[in-house]
Amino acid sequence: MAGRFLLGLLSLSVALGGAVPLKVLFYKDTCPGAELISRDVMEKHLRRDPTIAAGIIRMFFHDCFVRGCDGSVLLDTTGDTVAEKEAPPNLTLRGFEVIDDIKAALERKCRGTVSCADVLAMAARDSVALSGGAAYEVPTGRRDGVVSDASEVHLPGPSFSILEAIKAFEGINLTVVDLVTLLGAHSIGLCHCGFFVDRLYSFQGTGMPDPSLDAGLLAALRQRCPDSAAAAENISADPTVFMNQATSSPFTLDSSFYRGVLHNRAVLQLDQELAYADLSNSLAATFLTRPNLFIWSFSKSMIRLGNVGVLSGDQGEIRLNCRQVNGVA
């Protein structure tokens, strides 16, 4: 697929403090073929639903932003603690069944060996490659967390300002470059109207649409998204639109997203905010004119994201079921 290439420069082990370093092909001896199994299952799901790649990448982001990349977003609620996946920002996450299928295939091959956190990291990598991005080599060796608490879910929201988003990324040791780059994932996938309907009808409570929004796009989005979407109790039942309104290929991960940013055709307020700061505007313009640089940078930032707060060595556990900690009936 166009745009797919190996990033030898990124195939490196990453040490985090005193933890055991992650490394490429961690399962080479303990579960040979694990990465091929992951890719095969991911590819089958993508053939059935080309939007699922964006869902998996988004799930990976949501997992890593809370407690680090420990697979905690995959856990179901048990007992009195409501799990992360039931927090409002996570109610529209998609692809849990994909992770279940990959995990089941790996359990048949080598029981209790590959962590759910690594399953999600590999699935995200494969989603990128199968959507036209780079088949980068992802360091593995993560362990699974045993805590998932909805009250800890604090993610950069779609209405964040660029400064608020930068601060949130700095909180997990990622840079403004990572922010601008990773938002490029919005070149693929769908977006619920409820995440941006305020821009169409009453931006920041003004009773008027966002004045920065392209008039043609405003009209098109209003046809799809009624004003009532703002008050929808169940956002998962909301209408959806393609996240990237600046391309004819909404299933291809490329730099076309930044064309929308620079021409006031970004769907989310946060995405449009990239045009309003000098550095983010400059990066958006650079990525648009140098698409291969975006592909390379996106892979690099995904690897950096995947190293946030990981458990390794004898920390955490290797779940047998990604939806529950071991020992739960």
C-alpha atoms as a PDB file:
ATOM      1  CA  MET A   1       0.000   0.000   0.000  1.00  0.00           C
ATOM      2  CA  ALA A   2       1.247   3.489  -0.840  1.00  0.00           C
ATOM      3  CA  GLY A   3       3.131   5.173   1.928  1.00  0.00           C
ATOM      4  CA  ARG A   4       4.099   1.962   3.727  1.00  0.00           C
ATOM      5  CA  PHE A   5       7.742   1.557   4.577  1.00  0.00           C
ATOM      6  CA  LEU A   6       9.834   0.284   7.455  1.00  0.00           C
ATOM      7  CA  LEU A   7      11.358   2.805   9.793  1.00  0.00           C
ATOM      8  CA  GLY A   8      14.682   1.285  10.751  1.00  0.00           C
ATOM      9  CA  LEU A   9      15.609   4.408  12.687  1.00  0.00           C
ATOM     10  CA  LEU A  10      12.663   3.825  14.979  1.00  0.00           C
ATOM     11  CA  SER A  11      13.328   0.158  15.736  1.00  0.00           C
ATOM     12  CA  LEU A  12      14.968   0.678  19.078  1.00  0.00           C
ATOM     13  CA  SER A  13      14.544  -0.421  22.655  1.00  0.00           C
ATOM     14  CA  VAL A  14      13.135   2.125  25.072  1.00  0.00           C
ATOM     15  CA  ALA A  15      14.100   2.114  28.719  1.00  0.00           C
ATOM     16  CA  LEU A  16      11.795   3.802  31.206  1.00  0.00           C
ATOM     17  CA  GLY A  17      13.379   4.511  34.569  1.00  0.00           C
ATOM     18  CA  GLY A  18      14.184   1.293  36.406  1.00  0.00           C
ATOM     19  CA  ALA A  19      11.703  -0.770  34.446  1.00  0.00           C
ATOM     20  CA  VAL A  20      12.754  -3.511  32.053  1.00  0.00           C
ATOM     21  CA  PRO A  21      13.204  -1.931  28.611  1.00  0.00           C
ATOM     22  CA  LEU A  22      10.644  -2.520  25.906  1.00  0.00           C
ATOM     23  CA  LYS A  23      12.157  -3.950  22.763  1.00  0.00           C
ATOM     24  CA  VAL A  24      11.223  -4.787  19.220  1.00  0.00           C
ATOM     25  CA  LEU A  25      10.222  -8.446  18.715  1.00  0.00           C
ATOM     26  CA  PHE A  26       9.949  -9.014  22.464  1.00  0.00           C
ATOM     27  CA  TYR A  27       7.935 -12.184  21.794  1.00  0.00           C
ATOM     28  CA  LYS A  28      10.301 -13.619  19.197  1.00  0.00           C
ATOM     29  CA  ASP A  29      11.161 -16.620  21.375  1.00  0.00           C
ATOM     30  CA  THR A  30       8.194 -16.867  23.736  1.00  0.00           C
ATOM     31  CA  CYS A  31       5.461 -16.480  21.101  1.00  0.00           C
ATOM     32  CA  PRO A  32       6.910 -16.734  17.580  1.00  0.00           C
ATOM     33  CA  GLY A  33       4.690 -15.126  14.959  1.00  0.00           C
ATOM     34  CA  ALA A  34       2.731 -13.053  17.478  1.00  0.00           C
ATOM     35  CA  GLU A  35       2.965  -9.886  15.391  1.00  0.00           C
ATOM     36  CA  LEU A  36       1.879 -11.673  12.212  1.00  0.00           C
ATOM     37  CA  ILE A  37      -1.127 -13.129  14.031  1.00  0.00           C
ATOM     38  CA  SER A  38      -2.074  -9.648  15.255  1.00  0.00           C
ATOM     39  CA  ARG A  39      -1.799  -8.191  11.776  1.00  0.00           C
ATOM     40  CA  ASP A  40      -3.813 -10.970  10.143  1.00  0.00           C
ATOM     41  CA  VAL A  41      -6.731 -10.538  12.556  1.00  0.00           C
ATOM     42  CA  MET A  42      -6.600  -6.751  12.233  1.00  0.00           C
ATOM     43  CA  GLU A  43      -6.609  -7.000   8.450  1.00  0.00           C
ATOM     44  CA  LYS A  44      -9.688  -9.254   8.460  1.00  0.00           C
ATOM     45  CA  HIS A  45     -11.608  -6.761  10.594  1.00  0.00           C
ATOM     46  CA  LEU A  46     -10.497  -3.855   8.435  1.00  0.00           C
ATOM     47  CA  ARG A  47     -11.764  -5.555   5.300  1.00  0.00           C
ATOM     48  CA  ARG A  48     -15.206  -5.821   6.917  1.00  0.00           C
ATOM     49  CA  ASP A  49     -15.185  -2.290   8.343  1.00  0.00           C
ATOM     50  CA  PRO A  50     -12.677   0.235   6.946  1.00  0.00           C
ATOM     51  CA  THR A  51     -13.540   2.709   9.720  1.00  0.00           C
ATOM     52  CA  ILE A  52     -12.271   0.413  12.471  1.00  0.00           C
ATOM     53  CA  ALA A  53      -8.620   1.441  12.004  1.00  0.00           C
ATOM     54  CA  ALA A  54      -9.392   4.920  13.299  1.00  0.00           C
ATOM     55  CA  GLY A  55     -11.289   3.374  16.195  1.00  0.00           C
ATOM     56  CA  ILE A  56      -8.301   1.284  17.273  1.00  0.00           C
ATOM     57  CA  ILE A  57      -5.869   4.213  17.020  1.00  0.00           C
ATOM     58  CA  ARG A  58      -8.229   6.336  19.119  1.00  0.00           C
ATOM     59  CA  MET A  59      -8.578   3.553  21.703  1.00  0.00           C
ATOM     60  CA  PHE A  60      -4.780   3.319  21.967  1.00  0.00           C
ATOM     61  CA  PHE A  61      -4.579   7.066  22.601  1.00  0.00           C
ATOM     62  CA  HIS A  62      -7.296   6.919  25.251  1.00  0.00           C
ATOM     63  CA  ASP A  63      -5.564   4.004  26.974  1.00  0.00           C
ATOM     64  CA  CYS A  64      -2.135   5.607  27.072  1.00  0.00           C
ATOM     65  CA  PHE A  65      -3.422   8.963  28.309  1.00  0.00           C
ATOM     66  CA  VAL A  66      -4.833   7.417  31.496  1.00  0.00           C
ATOM     67  CA  ARG A  67      -2.446   5.430  33.722  1.00  0.00           C
ATOM     68  CA  GLY A  68      -0.151   4.935  30.742  1.00  0.00           C
ATOM     69  CA  CYS A  69      -0.299   2.228  28.074  1.00  0.00           C
ATOM     70  CA  ASP A  70      -1.395  -0.602  30.371  1.00  0.00           C
ATOM     71  CA  GLY A  71      -4.580  -1.845  28.688  1.00  0.00           C
ATOM     72  CA  SER A  72      -6.745  -0.397  31.472  1.00  0.00           C
ATOM     73  CA  VAL A  73      -9.235   1.007  28.958  1.00  0.00           C
ATOM     74  CA  LEU A  74     -10.064  -2.562  27.930  1.00  0.00           C
ATOM     75  CA  LEU A  75     -11.299  -3.643  31.375  1.00  0.00           C
ATOM     76  CA  ASP A  76     -15.012  -4.007  32.102  1.00  0.00           C
ATOM     77  CA  THR A  77     -16.613  -2.638  35.252  1.00  0.00           C
ATOM     78  CA  THR A  78     -16.483  -5.016  38.211  1.00  0.00           C
ATOM     79  CA  GLY A  79     -17.660  -4.426  41.754  1.00  0.00           C
ATOM     80  CA  ASP A  80     -18.202  -0.838  42.821  1.00  0.00           C
ATOM     81  CA  THR A  81     -15.570   0.800  40.594  1.00  0.00           C
ATOM     82  CA  VAL A  82     -16.795   2.037  37.224  1.00  0.00           C
ATOM     83  CA  ALA A  83     -14.233   1.227  34.516  1.00  0.00           C
ATOM     84  CA  GLU A  84     -12.542   3.750  32.224  1.00  0.00           C
ATOM     85  CA  LYS A  85     -14.523   2.631  29.185  1.00  0.00           C
ATOM     86  CA  GLU A  86     -17.697   3.944  30.841  1.00  0.00           C
ATOM     87  CA  ALA A  87     -16.374   7.473  31.344  1.00  0.00           C
ATOM     88  CA  PRO A  88     -18.107   9.977  29.008  1.00  0.00           C
ATOM     89  CA  PRO A  89     -15.069  10.519  26.712  1.00  0.00           C
ATOM     90  CA  ASN A  90     -14.852   6.743  26.156  1.00  0.00           C
ATOM     91  CA  LEU A  91     -18.492   5.917  25.461  1.00  0.00           C
ATOM     92  CA  THR A  92     -17.946   6.137  21.710  1.00  0.00           C
ATOM     93  CA  LEU A  93     -14.784   4.021  21.633  1.00  0.00           C
ATOM     94  CA  ARG A  94     -14.975   1.235  19.070  1.00  0.00           C
ATOM     95  CA  GLY A  95     -13.004  -1.924  18.401  1.00  0.00           C
ATOM     96  CA  PHE A  96     -13.075  -3.831  21.692  1.00  0.00           C
ATOM     97  CA  GLU A  97     -14.158  -6.934  19.781  1.00  0.00           C
ATOM     98  CA  VAL A  98     -11.097  -6.597  17.543  1.00  0.00           C
ATOM     99  CA  ILE A  99      -8.786  -6.667  20.556  1.00  0.00           C
ATOM    100  CA  ASP A 100     -10.717  -9.648  21.919  1.00  0.00           C
ATOM    101  CA  ASP A 101     -10.241 -11.537  18.650  1.00  0.00           C
ATOM    102  CA  ILE A 102      -6.513 -10.809  18.466  1.00  0.00           C
ATOM    103  CA  LYS A 103      -6.052 -11.816  22.093  1.00  0.00           C
ATOM    104  CA  ALA A 104      -8.019 -15.056  21.563  1.00  0.00           C
ATOM    105  CA  ALA A 105      -5.858 -15.958  18.560  1.00  0.00           C
ATOM    106  CA  LEU A 106      -2.696 -15.303  20.559  1.00  0.00           C
ATOM    107  CA  GLU A 107      -3.962 -17.292  23.541  1.00  0.00           C
ATOM    108  CA  ARG A 108      -4.490 -20.273  21.255  1.00  0.00           C
ATOM    109  CA  LYS A 109      -0.913 -19.918  20.065  1.00  0.00           C
ATOM    110  CA  CYS A 110       0.811 -19.225  23.394  1.00  0.00           C
ATOM    111  CA  ARG A 111      -1.318 -18.996  26.512  1.00  0.00           C
ATOM    112  CA  GLY A 112      -0.660 -16.226  29.015  1.00  0.00           C
ATOM    113  CA  THR A 113       2.254 -14.718  27.117  1.00  0.00           C
ATOM    114  CA  VAL A 114       1.220 -11.610  25.175  1.00  0.00           C
ATOM    115  CA  SER A 115      -0.220  -8.756  27.220  1.00  0.00           C
ATOM    116  CA  CYS A 116      -3.410  -6.944  26.297  1.00  0.00           C
ATOM    117  CA  ALA A 117      -1.458  -3.690  26.412  1.00  0.00           C
ATOM    118  CA  ASP A 118       0.832  -5.024  23.693  1.00  0.00           C
ATOM    119  CA  VAL A 119      -2.123  -6.386  21.722  1.00  0.00           C
ATOM    120  CA  LEU A 120      -3.553  -2.858  21.604  1.00  0.00           C
ATOM    121  CA  ALA A 121      -0.173  -1.336  20.704  1.00  0.00           C
ATOM    122  CA  MET A 122       0.326  -3.816  17.858  1.00  0.00           C
ATOM    123  CA  ALA A 123      -3.253  -3.390  16.634  1.00  0.00           C
ATOM    124  CA  ALA A 124      -2.754   0.379  16.545  1.00  0.00           C
ATOM    125  CA  ARG A 125       0.493  -0.047  14.599  1.00  0.00           C
ATOM    126  CA  ASP A 126      -1.224  -2.399  12.148  1.00  0.00           C
ATOM    127  CA  SER A 127      -4.157   0.010  11.790  1.00  0.00           C
ATOM    128  CA  VAL A 128      -1.705   2.731  10.791  1.00  0.00           C
ATOM    129  CA  ALA A 129       0.104   0.535   8.248  1.00  0.00           C
ATOM    130  CA  LEU A 130      -3.068  -0.918   6.741  1.00  0.00           C
ATOM    131  CA  SER A 131      -4.478   2.599   6.303  1.00  0.00           C
ATOM    132  CA  GLY A 132      -1.516   3.815   4.257  1.00  0.00           C
ATOM    133  CA  GLY A 133       0.904   4.797   6.978  1.00  0.00           C
ATOM    134  CA  ALA A 134       4.245   3.258   7.874  1.00  0.00           C
ATOM    135  CA  ALA A 135       4.694  -0.311   9.076  1.00  0.00           C
ATOM    136  CA  TYR A 136       6.842   0.891  11.928  1.00  0.00           C
ATOM    137  CA  GLU A 137       8.408  -1.500  14.422  1.00  0.00           C
ATOM    138  CA  VAL A 138       6.766  -1.110  17.808  1.00  0.00           C
ATOM    139  CA  PRO A 139       8.716  -1.968  20.966  1.00  0.00           C
ATOM    140  CA  THR A 140       6.816  -4.518  23.078  1.00  0.00           C
ATOM    141  CA  GLY A 141       7.058  -6.080  26.510  1.00  0.00           C
ATOM    142  CA  ARG A 142       4.298  -4.109  28.235  1.00  0.00           C
ATOM    143  CA  ARG A 143       2.422  -5.637  31.151  1.00  0.00           C
ATOM    144  CA  ASP A 144      -1.251  -5.163  31.937  1.00  0.00           C
ATOM    145  CA  GLY A 145      -2.561  -2.915  34.670  1.00  0.00           C
ATOM    146  CA  VAL A 146      -5.125  -4.165  37.170  1.00  0.00           C
ATOM    147  CA  VAL A 147      -6.927  -0.861  37.875  1.00  0.00           C
ATOM    148  CA  SER A 148      -9.470   0.892  35.664  1.00  0.00           C
ATOM    149  CA  ASP A 149     -11.345   3.844  37.159  1.00  0.00           C
ATOM    150  CA  ALA A 150     -13.635   6.146  35.189  1.00  0.00           C
ATOM    151  CA  SER A 151     -12.958   8.983  37.633  1.00  0.00           C
ATOM    152  CA  GLU A 152      -9.350   9.120  36.412  1.00  0.00           C
ATOM    153  CA  VAL A 153     -10.284   9.750  32.779  1.00  0.00           C
ATOM    154  CA  HIS A 154      -9.234  13.304  31.914  1.00  0.00           C
ATOM    155  CA  LEU A 155      -8.515  13.584  28.205  1.00  0.00           C
ATOM    156  CA  PRO A 156      -7.959  16.544  25.886  1.00  0.00           C
ATOM    157  CA  GLY A 157     -11.465  17.360  24.684  1.00  0.00           C
ATOM    158  CA  PRO A 158     -12.681  18.332  21.212  1.00  0.00           C
ATOM    159  CA  SER A 159     -13.345  21.887  22.426  1.00  0.00           C
ATOM    160  CA  PHE A 160      -9.915  22.389  23.990  1.00  0.00           C
ATOM    161  CA  SER A 161      -7.861  25.380  22.985  1.00  0.00           C
ATOM    162  CA  ILE A 162      -4.443  24.701  21.523  1.00  0.00           C
ATOM    163  CA  LEU A 163      -2.826  25.895  24.768  1.00  0.00           C
ATOM    164  CA  GLU A 164      -4.982  23.571  26.866  1.00  0.00           C
ATOM    165  CA  ALA A 165      -4.096  20.652  24.576  1.00  0.00           C
ATOM    166  CA  ILE A 166      -0.376  21.431  24.744  1.00  0.00           C
ATOM    167  CA  LYS A 167      -0.547  21.458  28.545  1.00  0.00           C
ATOM    168  CA  ALA A 168      -2.373  18.112  28.569  1.00  0.00           C
ATOM    169  CA  PHE A 169       0.259  16.545  26.303  1.00  0.00           C
ATOM    170  CA  GLU A 170       3.076  17.966  28.401  1.00  0.00           C
ATOM    171  CA  GLY A 171       1.446  16.216  31.361  1.00  0.00           C
ATOM    172  CA  ILE A 172       2.361  12.857  29.814  1.00  0.00           C
ATOM    173  CA  ASN A 173       5.765  14.063  28.539  1.00  0.00           C
ATOM    174  CA  LEU A 174       4.711  14.556  24.924  1.00  0.00           C
ATOM    175  CA  THR A 175       5.498  17.702  22.952  1.00  0.00           C
ATOM    176  CA  VAL A 176       3.570  20.150  20.811  1.00  0.00           C
ATOM    177  CA  VAL A 177       5.082  18.365  17.814  1.00  0.00           C
ATOM    178  CA  ASP A 178       3.534  15.109  19.044  1.00  0.00           C
ATOM    179  CA  LEU A 179       0.208  16.904  19.500  1.00  0.00           C
ATOM    180  CA  VAL A 180       0.118  18.323  15.982  1.00  0.00           C
ATOM    181  CA  THR A 181       1.342  15.048  14.510  1.00  0.00           C
ATOM    182  CA  LEU A 182      -1.017  12.711  16.356  1.00  0.00           C
ATOM    183  CA  LEU A 183      -4.035  14.865  15.535  1.00  0.00           C
ATOM    184  CA  GLY A 184      -3.222  13.875  11.955  1.00  0.00           C
ATOM    185  CA  ALA A 185      -4.970  10.601  12.817  1.00  0.00           C
ATOM    186  CA  HIS A 186      -8.124  12.604  12.163  1.00  0.00           C
ATOM    187  CA  SER A 187      -7.441  12.150   8.461  1.00  0.00           C
ATOM    188  CA  ILE A 188      -9.422   8.907   8.848  1.00  0.00           C
ATOM    189  CA  GLY A 189     -12.504   7.788  10.711  1.00  0.00           C
ATOM    190  CA  LEU A 190     -15.841   9.168  11.804  1.00  0.00           C
ATOM    191  CA  CYS A 191     -16.915  11.833  14.264  1.00  0.00           C
ATOM    192  CA  HIS A 192     -20.200  12.094  16.177  1.00  0.00           C
ATOM    193  CA  CYS A 193     -22.130  15.329  15.705  1.00  0.00           C
ATOM    194  CA  GLY A 194     -22.308  15.850  19.452  1.00  0.00           C
ATOM    195  CA  PHE A 195     -18.570  16.550  19.555  1.00  0.00           C
ATOM    196  CA  PHE A 196     -18.832  19.660  17.394  1.00  0.00           C
ATOM    197  CA  VAL A 197     -22.514  20.619  17.028  1.00  0.00           C
ATOM    198  CA  ASP A 198     -21.981  23.725  19.155  1.00  0.00           C
ATOM    199  CA  ARG A 199     -19.755  25.090  16.364  1.00  0.00           C
ATOM    200  CA  LEU A 200     -22.711  24.875  13.993  1.00  0.00           C
ATOM    201  CA  TYR A 201     -25.385  26.618  16.010  1.00  0.00           C
ATOM    202  CA  SER A 202     -24.174  28.303  19.217  1.00  0.00           C
ATOM    203  CA  PHE A 203     -20.415  28.510  19.392  1.00  0.00           C
ATOM    204  CA  GLN A 204     -19.297  29.156  22.974  1.00  0.00           C
ATOM    205  CA  GLY A 205     -22.893  30.078  23.847  1.00  0.00           C
ATOM    206  CA  THR A 206     -23.139  32.965  21.372  1.00  0.00           C
ATOM    207  CA  GLY A 207     -26.214  31.665  19.548  1.00  0.00           C
ATOM    208  CA  MET A 208     -24.210  31.931  16.315  1.00  0.00           C
ATOM    209  CA  PRO A 209     -21.985  29.452  14.467  1.00  0.00           C
ATOM    210  CA  ASP A 210     -18.216  29.482  14.822  1.00  0.00           C
ATOM    211  CA  PRO A 211     -17.156  32.405  12.603  1.00  0.00           C
ATOM    212  CA  SER A 212     -13.968  30.582  11.613  1.00  0.00           C
ATOM    213  CA  LEU A 213     -15.853  27.671  10.034  1.00  0.00           C
ATOM    214  CA  ASP A 214     -15.918  27.593   6.239  1.00  0.00           C
ATOM    215  CA  ALA A 215     -19.431  28.577   5.075  1.00  0.00           C
ATOM    216  CA  GLY A 216     -19.765  25.663   2.677  1.00  0.00           C
ATOM    217  CA  LEU A 217     -18.737  23.154   5.320  1.00  0.00           C
ATOM    218  CA  LEU A 218     -21.092  24.768   7.847  1.00  0.00           C
ATOM    219  CA  ALA A 219     -24.024  24.248   5.493  1.00  0.00           C
ATOM    220  CA  ALA A 220     -23.054  20.647   4.762  1.00  0.00           C
ATOM    221  CA  LEU A 221     -22.584  19.735   8.407  1.00  0.00           C
ATOM    222  CA  ARG A 222     -25.890  21.326   9.410  1.00  0.00           C
ATOM    223  CA  GLN A 223     -27.664  19.047   6.945  1.00  0.00           C
ATOM    224  CA  ARG A 224     -26.217  16.047   8.727  1.00  0.00           C
ATOM    225  CA  CYS A 225     -26.234  17.313  12.319  1.00  0.00           C
ATOM    226  CA  PRO A 226     -29.413  18.857  13.776  1.00  0.00           C
ATOM    227  CA  ASP A 227     -29.209  21.351  16.609  1.00  0.00           C
ATOM    228  CA  SER A 228     -30.810  18.757  18.877  1.00  0.00           C
ATOM    229  CA  ALA A 229     -27.587  16.717  18.760  1.00  0.00           C
ATOM    230  CA  ALA A 230     -26.187  19.076  21.369  1.00  0.00           C
ATOM    231  CA  ALA A 231     -28.647  17.714  23.916  1.00  0.00           C
ATOM    232  CA  ALA A 232     -28.448  14.056  22.911  1.00  0.00           C
ATOM    233  CA  GLU A 233     -28.384  11.802  25.975  1.00  0.00           C
ATOM    234  CA  ASN A 234     -26.811   8.921  24.083  1.00  0.00           C
ATOM    235  CA  ILE A 235     -24.025  10.245  21.890  1.00  0.00           C
ATOM    236  CA  SER A 236     -23.404   6.777  20.469  1.00  0.00           C
ATOM    237  CA  ALA A 237     -26.757   7.128  18.677  1.00  0.00           C
ATOM    238  CA  ASP A 238     -25.707  10.468  17.175  1.00  0.00           C
ATOM    239  CA  PRO A 239     -25.284  10.848  13.412  1.00  0.00           C
ATOM    240  CA  THR A 240     -21.678  10.756  12.265  1.00  0.00           C
ATOM    241  CA  VAL A 241     -19.642  12.510   9.587  1.00  0.00           C
ATOM    242  CA  PHE A 242     -16.221  11.802   8.162  1.00  0.00           C
ATOM    243  CA  MET A 243     -13.620  13.399  10.386  1.00  0.00           C
ATOM    244  CA  ASN A 244     -11.632  14.595   7.388  1.00  0.00           C
ATOM    245  CA  GLN A 245     -13.678  16.931   5.201  1.00  0.00           C
ATOM    246  CA  ALA A 246     -10.688  17.884   3.043  1.00  0.00           C
ATOM    247  CA  THR A 247     -10.216  14.607   1.184  1.00  0.00           C
ATOM    248  CA  SER A 248     -11.942  12.174  -1.156  1.00  0.00           C
ATOM    249  CA  SER A 249     -10.131   9.289   0.572  1.00  0.00           C
ATOM    250  CA  PRO A 250     -11.398   9.292   4.181  1.00  0.00           C
ATOM    251  CA  PHE A 251      -9.937   5.837   4.876  1.00  0.00           C
ATOM    252  CA  THR A 252      -6.341   6.767   3.956  1.00  0.00           C
ATOM    253  CA  LEU A 253      -3.995   8.028   6.635  1.00  0.00           C
ATOM    254  CA  ASP A 254      -2.199  10.944   5.014  1.00  0.00           C
ATOM    255  CA  SER A 255      -1.488  14.636   5.461  1.00  0.00           C
ATOM    256  CA  SER A 256      -4.727  15.830   3.820  1.00  0.00           C
ATOM    257  CA  PHE A 257      -6.122  16.536   7.295  1.00  0.00           C
ATOM    258  CA  TYR A 258      -3.890  19.593   7.500  1.00  0.00           C
ATOM    259  CA  ARG A 259      -5.458  21.039   4.342  1.00  0.00           C
ATOM    260  CA  GLY A 260      -8.709  21.216   6.279  1.00  0.00           C
ATOM    261  CA  VAL A 261      -6.955  22.894   9.193  1.00  0.00           C
ATOM    262  CA  LEU A 262      -5.371  25.554   6.998  1.00  0.00           C
ATOM    263  CA  HIS A 263      -8.592  26.254   5.064  1.00  0.00           C
ATOM    264  CA  ASN A 264     -10.987  26.440   8.041  1.00  0.00           C
ATOM    265  CA  ARG A 265     -12.518  23.071   7.205  1.00  0.00           C
ATOM    266  CA  ALA A 266     -11.556  21.138  10.332  1.00  0.00           C
ATOM    267  CA  VAL A 267     -14.538  19.516  12.033  1.00  0.00           C
ATOM    268  CA  LEU A 268     -13.385  19.734  15.648  1.00  0.00           C
ATOM    269  CA  GLN A 269     -12.582  23.014  17.360  1.00  0.00           C
ATOM    270  CA  LEU A 270      -9.318  21.584  18.717  1.00  0.00           C
ATOM    271  CA  ASP A 271      -8.226  20.583  15.209  1.00  0.00           C
ATOM    272  CA  GLN A 272      -9.025  24.046  13.868  1.00  0.00           C
ATOM    273  CA  GLU A 273      -7.077  25.579  16.750  1.00  0.00           C
ATOM    274  CA  LEU A 274      -3.894  24.231  15.151  1.00  0.00           C
ATOM    275  CA  ALA A 275      -4.136  27.079  12.653  1.00  0.00           C
ATOM    276  CA  TYR A 276      -4.044  29.711  15.381  1.00  0.00           C
ATOM    277  CA  ALA A 277      -0.585  29.145  16.913  1.00  0.00           C
ATOM    278  CA  ASP A 278       2.576  29.867  14.957  1.00  0.00           C
ATOM    279  CA  LEU A 279       4.331  26.548  15.572  1.00  0.00           C
ATOM    280  CA  SER A 280       1.296  24.323  14.994  1.00  0.00           C
ATOM    281  CA  ASN A 281       0.321  26.314  11.889  1.00  0.00           C
ATOM    282  CA  SER A 282       3.857  25.979  10.539  1.00  0.00           C
ATOM    283  CA  LEU A 283       3.922  22.231  11.206  1.00  0.00           C
ATOM    284  CA  ALA A 284       0.537  21.780   9.552  1.00  0.00           C
ATOM    285  CA  ALA A 285       1.764  23.598   6.446  1.00  0.00           C
ATOM    286  CA  THR A 286       4.967  21.545   6.405  1.00  0.00           C
ATOM    287  CA  PHE A 287       3.152  18.228   6.744  1.00  0.00           C
ATOM    288  CA  LEU A 288       0.743  19.187   3.965  1.00  0.00           C
ATOM    289  CA  THR A 289       3.554  19.927   1.522  1.00  0.00           C
ATOM    290  CA  ARG A 290       5.794  17.068   2.711  1.00  0.00           C
ATOM    291  CA  PRO A 291       3.460  14.082   3.135  1.00  0.00           C
ATOM    292  CA  ASN A 292       6.281  11.563   3.625  1.00  0.00           C
ATOM    293  CA  LEU A 293       7.568  13.627   6.542  1.00  0.00           C
ATOM    294  CA  PHE A 294       4.131  13.396   8.120  1.00  0.00           C
ATOM    295  CA  ILE A 295       4.071   9.602   7.718  1.00  0.00           C
ATOM    296  CA  TRP A 296       7.503   9.306   9.347  1.00  0.00           C
ATOM    297  CA  SER A 297       6.651  11.765  12.119  1.00  0.00           C
ATOM    298  CA  PHE A 298       3.336  10.077  12.844  1.00  0.00           C
ATOM    299  CA  SER A 299       5.051   6.734  13.402  1.00  0.00           C
ATOM    300  CA  LYS A 300       7.656   8.335  15.645  1.00  0.00           C
ATOM    301  CA  SER A 301       4.973  10.031  17.751  1.00  0.00           C
ATOM    302  CA  MET A 302       2.972   6.789  18.004  1.00  0.00           C
ATOM    303  CA  ILE A 303       6.047   5.070  19.414  1.00  0.00           C
ATOM    304  CA  ARG A 304       6.555   7.925  21.884  1.00  0.00           C
ATOM    305  CA  LEU A 305       2.903   7.693  22.904  1.00  0.00           C
ATOM    306  CA  GLY A 306       3.234   3.931  23.335  1.00  0.00           C
ATOM    307  CA  ASN A 307       6.027   4.428  25.874  1.00  0.00           C
ATOM    308  CA  VAL A 308       3.946   6.519  28.263  1.00  0.00           C
ATOM    309  CA  GLY A 309       3.708   5.014  31.746  1.00  0.00           C
ATOM    310  CA  VAL A 310       4.219   1.422  30.677  1.00  0.00           C
ATOM    311  CA  LEU A 311       4.440  -1.476  33.109  1.00  0.00           C
ATOM    312  CA  SER A 312       7.106  -4.083  32.416  1.00  0.00           C
ATOM    313  CA  GLY A 313       9.220  -6.777  34.022  1.00  0.00           C
ATOM    314  CA  ASP A 314       7.291  -8.159  36.986  1.00  0.00           C
ATOM    315  CA  GLN A 315       4.907  -5.198  37.202  1.00  0.00           C
ATOM    316  CA  GLY A 316       1.203  -5.751  36.577  1.00  0.00           C
ATOM    317  CA  GLU A 317       0.184  -9.027  34.969  1.00  0.00           C
ATOM    318  CA  ILE A 318      -0.493 -10.743  31.652  1.00  0.00           C
ATOM    319  CA  ARG A 319      -4.268 -10.917  31.438  1.00  0.00           C
ATOM    320  CA  LEU A 320      -5.846 -14.044  29.995  1.00  0.00           C
ATOM    321  CA  ASN A 321      -8.946 -12.005  29.133  1.00  0.00           C
ATOM    322  CA  CYS A 322      -8.513  -8.360  28.180  1.00  0.00           C
ATOM    323  CA  ARG A 323     -11.835  -7.441  29.770  1.00  0.00           C
ATOM    324  CA  GLN A 324     -10.993  -8.594  33.289  1.00  0.00           C
ATOM    325  CA  VAL A 325      -8.041  -8.998  35.609  1.00  0.00           C
ATOM    326  CA  ASN A 326      -6.860 -12.508  36.286  1.00  0.00           C
ATOM    327  CA  GLY A 327      -8.675 -14.403  39.002  1.00  0.00           C
ATOM    328  CA  VAL A 328     -12.050 -12.726  38.440  1.00  0.00           C
ATOM    329  CA  ALA A 329     -14.817 -15.245  37.859  1.00  0.00           C
END
